[in-house]
């Protein structure tokens, strides 16, 4: 209606854009549960709406089962207490993911949104019994193989198979016209968070203008790589770590070659290793014994090292640039892989724009030390390839201290990208993985208007962002500023980013159209506000 009325000159294009809600754009991009069927359905439980759309499938309780059942042609929904990187193959095979624990930025939520999968997390009513292969939920028992349906937009779980309405945006001429007008109206650029060639290619189709966050740790979990990663972590010597990193280098280089090609000359922000090392370590005695044999290191020694790496609060521990400071060889290898891929493509006349991002910087000296490692490595690579590729080195602003010392950090950084998941966590003093247990209660009872992990808390977290922007731009007038937390695809957060002067937002591939549309609405509202003044 909005498009037709604008074409008939009954309303302006700007008015047409403002009459459509971003949520309606989202509905077009995913299959949805039929509302009539949903009214008659038996609701089993509810959780956090971590991945929009609808999905139905047979319940499976392990990643291996999800993968095996899917290969036989079964549609499955993976139900876990919580997911870890080792579950990725099963998550990929499943129609949707349902977890009993976790928040909106938990592993399951981030991976599902990146793939455009339906996902519900923090569904605390679920009691999973792996031994009996069943789930008890609010007095009902669901066995492995039983059908359930998920409405990831509302966070509702239903018994049985409900009718799904298919997504079909490519054949919607009104949607295409509306998005064309949106792109003409917006000033904020929209990038994507992508860690693979496939994700990058999908994001381009959705209109992404670059990659705002490439998480390099997601490249480490393949079966052909994780062994070398563990060897590197559990080695006691620099020589041992460098030997393991040499095995990883070709894989990282190949990944970057694919991503740079897929982005066709658009900027690519690559975040160097961020998570704590224990996330990559074996979880079972069998895996640790296998690693012991391959490394030719006594099991007892490896087991002791493995235990020593576990942390009480890993999200505030030895991770991000702190890893790079202690083990500079890790960041040196990653910088080498990035620059070798960039130089190789440049020699083939393929344009590449690498932006190397140092995570979790809290003190300017951390950034200075890590930038020195990157520049030194880049110089060596460019000399060897006899070619020069322009690149930048920036940082992820995700700690309050980084925000209030932005005047110092901006002198070293070529760009900022706000990591609002961690910034929210550290400003609020909330664990993003555990807060899902009580934040829905806070929102329902009006303690908070919104879950701060879904919508940027403009008074608190936003205030720190404004400080960082003002101080940074005072030092460097044209300092490039973006956001790569999951807030980058949420409409109210996109409007806030537009209003404080960011250059771009970055979000999961399937949220790119929503961000483009929200950015257009933000630009129109800003323009109208200036006219009124």
Protein backbone atom coordinates (compact mmCIF):
# COMPACT_ATOMS: atom_id res chain seq x y z
CA UNK A 1 0.00 0.00 0.00
CA UNK A 2 2.77 2.42 0.91
CA UNK A 3 4.61 1.86 -2.38
CA UNK A 4 1.47 2.09 -4.53
CA UNK A 5 0.34 5.30 -2.83
CA UNK A 6 3.77 6.88 -3.34
CA UNK A 7 3.76 5.91 -7.01
CA UNK A 8 0.33 7.52 -7.39
CA UNK A 9 1.70 10.73 -5.77
CA UNK A 10 -0.78 10.43 -2.89
CA UNK A 11 2.12 10.46 -0.42
CA UNK A 12 5.85 11.14 -0.69
CA UNK A 13 8.45 8.38 -0.80
CA UNK A 14 9.68 9.53 2.59
CA UNK A 15 6.20 9.10 4.04
CA UNK A 16 5.97 5.66 2.42
CA UNK A 17 9.24 4.64 4.07
CA UNK A 18 8.06 5.82 7.47
CA UNK A 19 4.76 3.93 7.21
CA UNK A 20 6.45 0.52 7.05
CA UNK A 21 7.90 -1.02 10.20
CA UNK A 22 11.36 -2.65 10.04
CA UNK A 23 9.81 -5.76 11.63
CA UNK A 24 7.65 -6.14 8.52
CA UNK A 25 10.79 -6.24 6.39
CA UNK A 26 12.16 -8.93 8.70
CA UNK A 27 9.01 -11.04 8.25
CA UNK A 28 9.58 -11.15 4.48
CA UNK A 29 13.06 -12.64 4.89
CA UNK A 30 12.18 -15.75 6.94
CA UNK A 31 9.52 -18.48 6.89
CA UNK A 32 6.89 -17.67 9.51
CA UNK A 33 4.43 -19.67 11.60
CA UNK A 34 0.86 -19.35 10.29
CA UNK A 35 -0.94 -17.07 12.82
CA UNK A 36 -4.20 -19.03 12.55
CA UNK A 37 -2.42 -22.33 13.28
CA UNK A 38 -0.56 -20.69 16.16
CA UNK A 39 -3.81 -19.67 17.88
CA UNK A 40 -4.90 -23.31 18.10
CA UNK A 41 -1.47 -24.75 18.98
CA UNK A 42 -0.31 -26.20 22.31
CA UNK A 43 2.40 -23.92 23.70
CA UNK A 44 5.14 -25.87 25.47
CA UNK A 45 7.39 -23.06 26.64
CA UNK A 46 8.80 -19.65 25.84
CA UNK A 47 12.29 -18.20 25.72
CA UNK A 48 14.27 -15.35 24.18
CA UNK A 49 13.65 -14.66 20.44
CA UNK A 50 17.27 -15.01 19.32
CA UNK A 51 16.72 -15.85 15.64
CA UNK A 52 13.55 -14.71 13.82
CA UNK A 53 11.18 -16.76 11.67
CA UNK A 54 9.49 -20.10 12.09
CA UNK A 55 10.76 -23.68 11.86
CA UNK A 56 9.54 -27.20 12.57
CA UNK A 57 11.41 -30.44 12.98
CA UNK A 58 12.07 -33.57 15.01
CA UNK A 59 13.81 -33.11 18.35
CA UNK A 60 17.45 -34.23 18.55
CA UNK A 61 19.66 -33.66 21.57
CA UNK A 62 23.22 -33.80 20.22
CA UNK A 63 25.03 -32.13 17.35
CA UNK A 64 26.17 -35.50 15.98
CA UNK A 65 22.57 -36.76 15.89
CA UNK A 66 21.40 -33.57 14.18
CA UNK A 67 24.03 -34.02 11.50
CA UNK A 68 23.31 -37.76 11.04
CA UNK A 69 19.51 -37.36 10.93
CA UNK A 70 19.72 -34.44 8.49
CA UNK A 71 21.89 -36.52 6.15
CA UNK A 72 19.07 -39.08 6.07
CA UNK A 73 16.66 -36.36 4.94
CA UNK A 74 15.03 -35.65 8.31
CA UNK A 75 14.15 -32.10 9.36
CA UNK A 76 15.49 -31.66 12.90
CA UNK A 77 15.57 -29.10 15.67
CA UNK A 78 18.68 -29.23 17.84
CA UNK A 79 17.80 -28.90 21.54
CA UNK A 80 20.71 -28.29 23.92
CA UNK A 81 21.27 -26.90 27.39
CA UNK A 82 23.60 -24.49 25.63
CA UNK A 83 25.77 -24.74 22.51
CA UNK A 84 29.52 -24.50 22.07
CA UNK A 85 31.71 -24.18 18.97
CA UNK A 86 31.97 -27.98 18.85
CA UNK A 87 28.21 -28.12 18.09
CA UNK A 88 28.49 -26.05 14.91
CA UNK A 89 28.12 -28.98 12.48
CA UNK A 90 24.85 -30.01 14.13
CA UNK A 91 23.60 -26.44 14.28
CA UNK A 92 24.25 -26.06 10.57
CA UNK A 93 22.31 -29.24 9.80
CA UNK A 94 19.31 -28.32 11.97
CA UNK A 95 16.27 -26.33 10.90
CA UNK A 96 16.43 -24.39 14.16
CA UNK A 97 18.17 -24.30 17.55
CA UNK A 98 16.55 -24.31 21.00
CA UNK A 99 18.58 -23.91 24.21
CA UNK A 100 17.68 -23.94 27.90
CA UNK A 101 20.38 -21.41 28.83
CA UNK A 102 21.99 -18.39 27.23
CA UNK A 103 21.12 -14.83 26.29
CA UNK A 104 20.68 -12.83 23.11
CA UNK A 105 24.44 -12.78 22.47
CA UNK A 106 25.15 -16.38 23.48
CA UNK A 107 26.94 -18.73 21.10
CA UNK A 108 23.68 -20.24 19.83
CA UNK A 109 22.11 -16.81 19.24
CA UNK A 110 25.08 -15.36 17.36
CA UNK A 111 25.63 -18.38 15.13
CA UNK A 112 21.92 -18.78 14.34
CA UNK A 113 21.45 -15.11 13.41
CA UNK A 114 24.53 -15.23 11.21
CA UNK A 115 23.01 -18.10 9.25
CA UNK A 116 19.48 -16.71 9.27
CA UNK A 117 18.25 -19.66 11.33
CA UNK A 118 15.31 -19.68 13.70
CA UNK A 119 16.57 -19.82 17.29
CA UNK A 120 15.18 -19.58 20.82
CA UNK A 121 17.55 -19.37 23.81
CA UNK A 122 17.17 -19.07 27.57
CA UNK A 123 14.16 -21.42 27.59
CA UNK A 124 14.60 -22.26 31.27
CA UNK A 125 11.52 -24.54 31.46
CA UNK A 126 13.42 -27.20 29.49
CA UNK A 127 14.90 -30.12 31.43
CA UNK A 128 17.02 -32.19 29.09
CA UNK A 129 17.78 -35.83 29.90
CA UNK A 130 20.48 -37.04 27.52
CA UNK A 131 20.50 -40.53 29.04
CA UNK A 132 16.78 -41.11 28.36
CA UNK A 133 16.86 -38.99 25.18
CA UNK A 134 13.92 -36.90 26.31
CA UNK A 135 12.89 -33.44 27.49
CA UNK A 136 10.48 -32.59 30.26
CA UNK A 137 8.86 -29.19 29.97
CA UNK A 138 6.09 -27.85 32.18
CA UNK A 139 4.86 -31.34 33.04
CA UNK A 140 5.00 -32.68 29.47
CA UNK A 141 7.55 -35.15 28.09
CA UNK A 142 9.01 -34.72 24.60
CA UNK A 143 11.01 -37.65 23.27
CA UNK A 144 13.79 -37.58 20.72
CA UNK A 145 12.13 -37.75 17.30
CA UNK A 146 8.93 -35.93 18.37
CA UNK A 147 7.92 -32.93 16.26
CA UNK A 148 7.97 -29.39 17.64
CA UNK A 149 7.53 -25.97 16.01
CA UNK A 150 9.42 -22.80 16.94
CA UNK A 151 8.39 -19.19 16.46
CA UNK A 152 11.77 -17.50 16.77
CA UNK A 153 10.25 -14.04 16.31
CA UNK A 154 8.16 -14.39 19.48
CA UNK A 155 10.29 -16.96 21.37
CA UNK A 156 7.47 -19.55 21.51
CA UNK A 157 7.79 -23.34 21.40
CA UNK A 158 4.81 -25.47 20.27
CA UNK A 159 4.08 -29.20 20.24
CA UNK A 160 3.67 -30.88 16.85
CA UNK A 161 3.89 -29.52 13.30
CA UNK A 162 2.39 -26.11 12.56
CA UNK A 163 1.93 -24.68 9.07
CA UNK A 164 4.80 -22.46 7.93
CA UNK A 165 4.38 -19.59 5.47
CA UNK A 166 7.36 -19.38 3.06
CA UNK A 167 9.66 -16.37 2.69
CA UNK A 168 9.76 -14.92 -0.82
CA UNK A 169 11.31 -11.41 -0.89
CA UNK A 170 12.91 -11.82 -4.34
CA UNK A 171 9.50 -12.03 -5.98
CA UNK A 172 8.03 -9.07 -4.10
CA UNK A 173 8.22 -6.05 -6.43
CA UNK A 174 6.98 -3.67 -3.70
CA UNK A 175 9.79 -4.79 -1.39
CA UNK A 176 12.37 -4.12 -4.12
CA UNK A 177 11.01 -0.61 -4.78
CA UNK A 178 10.90 0.18 -1.07
CA UNK A 179 14.50 -0.95 -0.50
CA UNK A 180 15.69 1.08 -3.50
CA UNK A 181 14.10 4.19 -1.98
CA UNK A 182 15.60 3.30 1.42
CA UNK A 183 19.12 3.16 -0.02
CA UNK A 184 18.59 6.56 -1.67
CA UNK A 185 17.44 8.08 1.62
CA UNK A 186 20.01 6.74 4.10
CA UNK A 187 23.42 8.21 4.86
CA UNK A 188 24.60 5.45 7.23
CA UNK A 189 26.42 2.61 5.48
CA UNK A 190 25.57 -0.99 6.31
CA UNK A 191 28.15 -3.75 6.55
CA UNK A 192 27.88 -7.36 7.66
CA UNK A 193 29.41 -9.66 10.26
CA UNK A 194 30.78 -12.59 8.22
CA UNK A 195 33.41 -15.25 8.90
CA UNK A 196 33.27 -17.31 5.71
CA UNK A 197 33.09 -16.92 1.94
CA UNK A 198 29.49 -18.19 1.99
CA UNK A 199 28.37 -15.66 4.62
CA UNK A 200 30.12 -12.86 2.73
CA UNK A 201 28.46 -13.79 -0.58
CA UNK A 202 25.02 -14.01 1.10
CA UNK A 203 25.50 -10.59 2.68
CA UNK A 204 26.39 -9.03 -0.67
CA UNK A 205 23.06 -10.29 -2.04
CA UNK A 206 21.31 -8.61 0.89
CA UNK A 207 23.03 -5.30 0.08
CA UNK A 208 26.01 -5.25 2.47
CA UNK A 209 28.65 -2.60 1.72
CA UNK A 210 31.57 -4.42 3.32
CA UNK A 211 32.42 -6.59 6.31
CA UNK A 212 32.40 -4.82 9.67
CA UNK A 213 33.40 -7.89 11.67
CA UNK A 214 35.19 -11.03 10.56
CA UNK A 215 35.66 -13.18 13.68
CA UNK A 216 38.86 -15.10 13.03
CA UNK A 217 38.29 -17.52 15.93
CA UNK A 218 35.35 -19.06 14.04
CA UNK A 219 37.91 -20.21 11.46
CA UNK A 220 39.78 -22.28 14.05
CA UNK A 221 37.17 -24.92 14.80
CA UNK A 222 37.29 -27.03 11.62
CA UNK A 223 38.39 -30.64 12.18
CA UNK A 224 41.49 -29.96 10.06
CA UNK A 225 42.49 -26.99 12.26
CA UNK A 226 41.43 -27.48 15.86
CA UNK A 227 44.23 -29.98 16.51
CA UNK A 228 46.89 -27.41 15.54
CA UNK A 229 45.13 -24.73 17.65
CA UNK A 230 45.24 -27.02 20.68
CA UNK A 231 48.89 -27.85 20.06
CA UNK A 232 49.64 -24.12 20.02
CA UNK A 233 47.74 -23.45 23.24
CA UNK A 234 49.17 -26.37 25.19
CA UNK A 235 52.76 -25.90 24.10
CA UNK A 236 55.17 -24.66 26.79
CA UNK A 237 57.69 -23.07 24.42
CA UNK A 238 57.70 -20.30 21.82
CA UNK A 239 59.20 -22.77 19.33
CA UNK A 240 56.31 -25.21 19.93
CA UNK A 241 53.71 -22.48 19.50
CA UNK A 242 55.31 -21.19 16.31
CA UNK A 243 55.42 -24.72 14.89
CA UNK A 244 51.66 -25.15 15.53
CA UNK A 245 50.90 -21.66 14.17
CA UNK A 246 52.78 -22.51 10.97
CA UNK A 247 50.23 -25.31 10.42
CA UNK A 248 47.37 -22.81 10.85
CA UNK A 249 48.80 -20.12 8.57
CA UNK A 250 47.78 -21.73 5.22
CA UNK A 251 44.20 -22.24 6.46
CA UNK A 252 43.87 -18.63 7.61
CA UNK A 253 45.37 -17.34 4.35
CA UNK A 254 42.92 -19.44 2.31
CA UNK A 255 39.99 -18.10 4.38
CA UNK A 256 41.01 -14.50 3.76
CA UNK A 257 41.56 -15.10 0.06
CA UNK A 258 37.97 -16.34 -0.22
CA UNK A 259 36.47 -13.51 1.85
CA UNK A 260 38.41 -10.74 0.07
CA UNK A 261 37.36 -12.15 -3.32
CA UNK A 262 33.70 -12.41 -2.26
CA UNK A 263 33.65 -8.78 -1.10
CA UNK A 264 34.86 -7.51 -4.52
CA UNK A 265 36.87 -4.53 -3.35
CA UNK A 266 34.67 -3.58 -0.40
CA UNK A 267 36.31 -2.99 3.02
CA UNK A 268 36.83 -6.00 5.28
CA UNK A 269 37.42 -5.52 9.01
CA UNK A 270 39.22 -8.55 10.41
CA UNK A 271 39.20 -8.93 14.20
CA UNK A 272 42.27 -10.73 15.52
CA UNK A 273 41.78 -13.59 18.00
CA UNK A 274 39.40 -12.58 20.79
CA UNK A 275 38.01 -15.43 22.99
CA UNK A 276 39.84 -17.00 25.95
CA UNK A 277 42.00 -19.98 24.98
CA UNK A 278 40.12 -22.53 27.08
CA UNK A 279 37.24 -22.37 24.55
CA UNK A 280 39.44 -24.27 22.08
CA UNK A 281 40.60 -26.98 24.47
CA UNK A 282 39.40 -30.61 24.63
CA UNK A 283 36.33 -31.17 26.80
CA UNK A 284 36.73 -34.92 27.24
CA UNK A 285 39.51 -37.16 28.52
CA UNK A 286 39.45 -39.12 25.24
CA UNK A 287 40.14 -35.97 23.17
CA UNK A 288 42.93 -34.94 25.53
CA UNK A 289 44.52 -38.41 25.35
CA UNK A 290 44.35 -38.31 21.54
CA UNK A 291 46.07 -34.93 21.58
CA UNK A 292 48.65 -36.24 24.03
CA UNK A 293 49.56 -39.02 21.61
CA UNK A 294 49.77 -36.74 18.56
CA UNK A 295 51.88 -34.14 20.42
CA UNK A 296 54.00 -36.86 22.08
CA UNK A 297 53.51 -35.13 25.43
CA UNK A 298 52.55 -37.03 28.62
CA UNK A 299 48.81 -36.97 29.31
CA UNK A 300 49.33 -35.80 32.91
CA UNK A 301 51.34 -32.79 31.74
CA UNK A 302 48.71 -31.80 29.16
CA UNK A 303 45.88 -32.33 31.61
CA UNK A 304 47.57 -30.08 34.15
CA UNK A 305 48.12 -27.34 31.52
CA UNK A 306 44.52 -27.73 30.34
CA UNK A 307 43.16 -27.18 33.87
CA UNK A 308 45.46 -24.21 34.50
CA UNK A 309 43.94 -22.33 31.54
CA UNK A 310 40.38 -22.36 32.85
CA UNK A 311 39.27 -19.04 34.32
CA UNK A 312 36.68 -18.03 36.92
CA UNK A 313 35.36 -15.20 34.73
CA UNK A 314 36.77 -15.76 31.23
CA UNK A 315 34.85 -12.88 29.62
CA UNK A 316 36.87 -10.51 31.82
CA UNK A 317 40.06 -12.54 31.74
CA UNK A 318 42.91 -13.50 29.45
CA UNK A 319 41.38 -12.75 26.05
CA UNK A 320 41.44 -10.20 23.24
CA UNK A 321 44.55 -8.05 22.94
CA UNK A 322 45.70 -9.50 26.28
CA UNK A 323 46.40 -12.73 24.40
CA UNK A 324 48.31 -10.77 21.76
CA UNK A 325 50.40 -9.03 24.40
CA UNK A 326 51.39 -12.32 26.05
CA UNK A 327 51.64 -14.36 22.85
CA UNK A 328 52.46 -11.84 20.06
CA UNK A 329 53.24 -14.74 17.74
CA UNK A 330 49.47 -15.44 17.46
CA UNK A 331 48.64 -11.95 16.17
CA UNK A 332 51.77 -11.96 13.99
CA UNK A 333 50.57 -15.17 12.27
CA UNK A 334 47.11 -13.71 11.68
CA UNK A 335 48.51 -10.44 10.35
CA UNK A 336 50.77 -12.46 8.03
CA UNK A 337 47.83 -14.49 6.71
CA UNK A 338 45.75 -11.34 6.09
CA UNK A 339 48.56 -9.50 4.29
CA UNK A 340 49.69 -12.51 2.24
CA UNK A 341 46.11 -12.96 0.98
CA UNK A 342 45.81 -9.22 0.26
CA UNK A 343 49.16 -9.05 -1.57
CA UNK A 344 48.44 -12.19 -3.61
CA UNK A 345 45.11 -10.78 -4.82
CA UNK A 346 46.56 -7.32 -5.39
CA UNK A 347 49.17 -8.83 -7.73
CA UNK A 348 46.26 -10.36 -9.66
CA UNK A 349 44.70 -6.87 -9.97
CA UNK A 350 41.95 -7.70 -7.43
CA UNK A 351 41.15 -4.75 -5.17
CA UNK A 352 41.23 -5.46 -1.44
CA UNK A 353 40.70 -3.14 1.54
CA UNK A 354 41.91 -4.88 4.73
CA UNK A 355 41.14 -3.27 8.08
CA UNK A 356 42.87 -5.06 10.96
CA UNK A 357 41.08 -4.73 14.30
CA UNK A 358 42.63 -5.24 17.74
CA UNK A 359 39.96 -6.38 20.27
CA UNK A 360 39.37 -5.53 23.94
CA UNK A 361 41.78 -2.60 24.15
CA UNK A 362 41.44 -0.83 27.49
CA UNK A 363 44.73 1.08 27.51
CA UNK A 364 46.44 2.93 24.67
CA UNK A 365 49.69 1.03 25.31
CA UNK A 366 47.94 -2.25 24.42
CA UNK A 367 46.94 -0.89 21.03
CA UNK A 368 50.37 0.65 20.43
CA UNK A 369 52.12 -2.66 21.14
CA UNK A 370 49.79 -4.70 18.92
CA UNK A 371 49.84 -2.16 16.07
CA UNK A 372 53.63 -2.38 16.11
CA UNK A 373 53.40 -6.19 15.63
CA UNK A 374 50.94 -5.80 12.74
CA UNK A 375 52.97 -3.11 10.95
CA UNK A 376 56.22 -5.04 11.32
CA UNK A 377 54.61 -8.19 9.91
CA UNK A 378 52.89 -6.30 7.07
CA UNK A 379 56.18 -4.66 6.02
CA UNK A 380 57.91 -8.05 5.84
CA UNK A 381 55.09 -9.57 3.74
CA UNK A 382 54.87 -6.62 1.34
CA UNK A 383 58.64 -6.65 0.87
CA UNK A 384 58.53 -10.38 0.10
CA UNK A 385 55.65 -9.99 -2.39
CA UNK A 386 57.19 -6.80 -3.84
CA UNK A 387 53.84 -5.06 -3.70
CA UNK A 388 52.07 -2.57 -1.43
CA UNK A 389 48.50 -2.92 -0.22
CA UNK A 390 46.99 -0.04 1.77
CA UNK A 391 45.61 -1.24 5.10
CA UNK A 392 44.49 0.26 8.40
CA UNK A 393 44.81 -0.82 12.03
CA UNK A 394 42.02 0.06 14.43
CA UNK A 395 40.40 -1.17 17.58
CA UNK A 396 37.17 -2.53 18.94
CA UNK A 397 35.78 -0.18 21.57
CA UNK A 398 34.11 -2.48 24.10
CA UNK A 399 35.33 -1.35 27.51
CA UNK A 400 34.29 1.76 29.47
CA UNK A 401 37.93 2.71 29.99
CA UNK A 402 38.52 2.75 26.24
CA UNK A 403 35.58 5.15 25.83
CA UNK A 404 36.75 7.65 28.45
CA UNK A 405 40.39 7.56 27.22
CA UNK A 406 39.39 7.91 23.58
CA UNK A 407 41.56 11.04 23.23
CA UNK A 408 44.66 8.86 23.73
CA UNK A 409 43.47 5.81 21.78
CA UNK A 410 42.43 7.87 18.73
CA UNK A 411 46.03 9.00 18.32
CA UNK A 412 47.00 5.39 17.56
CA UNK A 413 43.82 3.95 16.01
CA UNK A 414 42.90 4.36 12.33
CA UNK A 415 39.28 3.46 13.12
CA UNK A 416 36.91 2.48 15.93
CA UNK A 417 34.28 -0.24 15.87
CA UNK A 418 32.01 -0.42 18.90
CA UNK A 419 31.61 -3.95 20.23
CA UNK A 420 28.35 -3.21 22.02
CA UNK A 421 27.78 -6.76 23.28
CA UNK A 422 30.82 -6.51 25.56
CA UNK A 423 30.37 -2.79 26.18
CA UNK A 424 26.87 -3.48 27.50
CA UNK A 425 28.23 -6.32 29.60
CA UNK A 426 30.95 -4.20 31.18
CA UNK A 427 28.89 -1.02 31.65
CA UNK A 428 26.00 -2.90 33.28
CA UNK A 429 28.10 -5.50 35.11
CA UNK A 430 25.97 -8.22 33.48
CA UNK A 431 27.07 -11.59 32.12
CA UNK A 432 25.59 -11.70 28.64
CA UNK A 433 25.29 -15.50 28.83
CA UNK A 434 23.58 -15.61 32.22
CA UNK A 435 21.44 -12.45 32.19
CA UNK A 436 18.78 -14.23 30.12
CA UNK A 437 17.62 -15.88 33.35
CA UNK A 438 16.22 -12.63 34.74
CA UNK A 439 16.25 -9.90 32.07
CA UNK A 440 12.90 -11.04 30.56
CA UNK A 441 11.39 -10.57 34.05
CA UNK A 442 12.92 -7.08 34.22
CA UNK A 443 11.35 -6.14 30.88
CA UNK A 444 7.96 -7.73 31.66
CA UNK A 445 7.80 -5.85 34.97
CA UNK A 446 9.02 -2.54 33.53
CA UNK A 447 12.26 -2.45 35.53
CA UNK A 448 13.85 -1.93 32.11
CA UNK A 449 12.07 -0.77 28.95
CA UNK A 450 14.21 -3.05 26.76
CA UNK A 451 16.72 -5.86 27.12
CA UNK A 452 20.05 -3.95 26.80
CA UNK A 453 21.53 -6.85 24.83
CA UNK A 454 18.80 -6.39 22.19
CA UNK A 455 18.49 -2.59 22.10
CA UNK A 456 21.32 -0.20 22.97
CA UNK A 457 20.84 1.36 26.41
CA UNK A 458 21.15 4.96 25.20
CA UNK A 459 21.38 6.54 28.68
CA UNK A 460 24.17 4.32 29.98
CA UNK A 461 26.00 2.44 27.24
CA UNK A 462 25.10 5.16 24.73
CA UNK A 463 26.62 7.83 26.98
CA UNK A 464 29.98 6.03 26.87
CA UNK A 465 29.70 5.73 23.07
CA UNK A 466 29.08 9.48 22.77
CA UNK A 467 32.18 10.21 24.87
CA UNK A 468 34.30 7.95 22.64
CA UNK A 469 32.91 9.55 19.46
CA UNK A 470 33.38 13.14 20.67
CA UNK A 471 36.91 12.60 21.98
CA UNK A 472 37.97 10.49 18.98
CA UNK A 473 36.73 12.97 16.40
CA UNK A 474 38.37 15.82 18.33
CA UNK A 475 41.73 14.12 17.73
CA UNK A 476 40.95 12.92 14.19
CA UNK A 477 38.14 14.78 12.45
CA UNK A 478 37.57 11.98 9.92
CA UNK A 479 38.10 9.02 12.27
CA UNK A 480 36.05 6.16 10.81
CA UNK A 481 33.47 4.97 13.33
CA UNK A 482 31.25 1.90 13.19
CA UNK A 483 29.46 -0.66 15.30
CA UNK A 484 29.76 -4.42 14.96
CA UNK A 485 27.83 -5.73 17.96
CA UNK A 486 24.49 -7.45 17.35
CA UNK A 487 22.79 -4.09 18.00
CA UNK A 488 23.91 -3.15 14.48
CA UNK A 489 20.80 -4.81 13.02
CA UNK A 490 18.23 -3.60 15.58
CA UNK A 491 16.15 -0.62 14.34
CA UNK A 492 16.18 1.60 17.45
CA UNK A 493 19.91 1.02 17.87
CA UNK A 494 20.54 1.81 14.19
CA UNK A 495 18.72 5.13 14.63
CA UNK A 496 20.88 5.93 17.67
CA UNK A 497 24.07 5.12 15.71
CA UNK A 498 22.91 7.42 12.90
CA UNK A 499 22.18 10.24 15.36
CA UNK A 500 25.59 10.14 17.11
CA UNK A 501 27.43 10.30 13.79
CA UNK A 502 28.73 6.78 13.14
CA UNK A 503 29.79 6.01 9.56
CA UNK A 504 28.34 2.49 9.43
CA UNK A 505 26.60 -0.30 11.29
CA UNK A 506 27.45 -3.96 10.85
CA UNK A 507 25.17 -6.92 11.53
CA UNK A 508 24.46 -10.54 10.60
CA UNK A 509 23.83 -11.12 6.84
CA UNK A 510 20.10 -11.75 7.23
CA UNK A 511 19.68 -8.51 9.20
CA UNK A 512 21.33 -6.32 6.56
CA UNK A 513 18.01 -5.36 4.85
CA UNK A 514 16.50 -4.40 8.22
CA UNK A 515 19.54 -2.23 9.01
CA UNK A 516 19.39 -0.58 5.58
CA UNK A 517 15.70 0.21 6.07
CA UNK A 518 16.14 1.43 9.65
CA UNK A 519 19.03 3.66 8.53
CA UNK A 520 16.75 5.26 5.93
CA UNK A 521 14.04 5.94 8.50
CA UNK A 522 16.65 7.43 10.86
CA UNK A 523 17.94 9.77 8.13
CA UNK A 524 14.41 10.92 7.26
CA UNK A 525 13.51 11.58 10.92
CA UNK A 526 16.78 13.48 11.42
CA UNK A 527 16.06 15.60 8.33
CA UNK A 528 12.51 16.33 9.48
CA UNK A 529 13.79 17.25 12.96
CA UNK A 530 16.21 19.81 11.49
CA UNK A 531 13.41 21.36 9.41
CA UNK A 532 11.26 21.84 12.52
CA UNK A 533 14.12 23.64 14.25
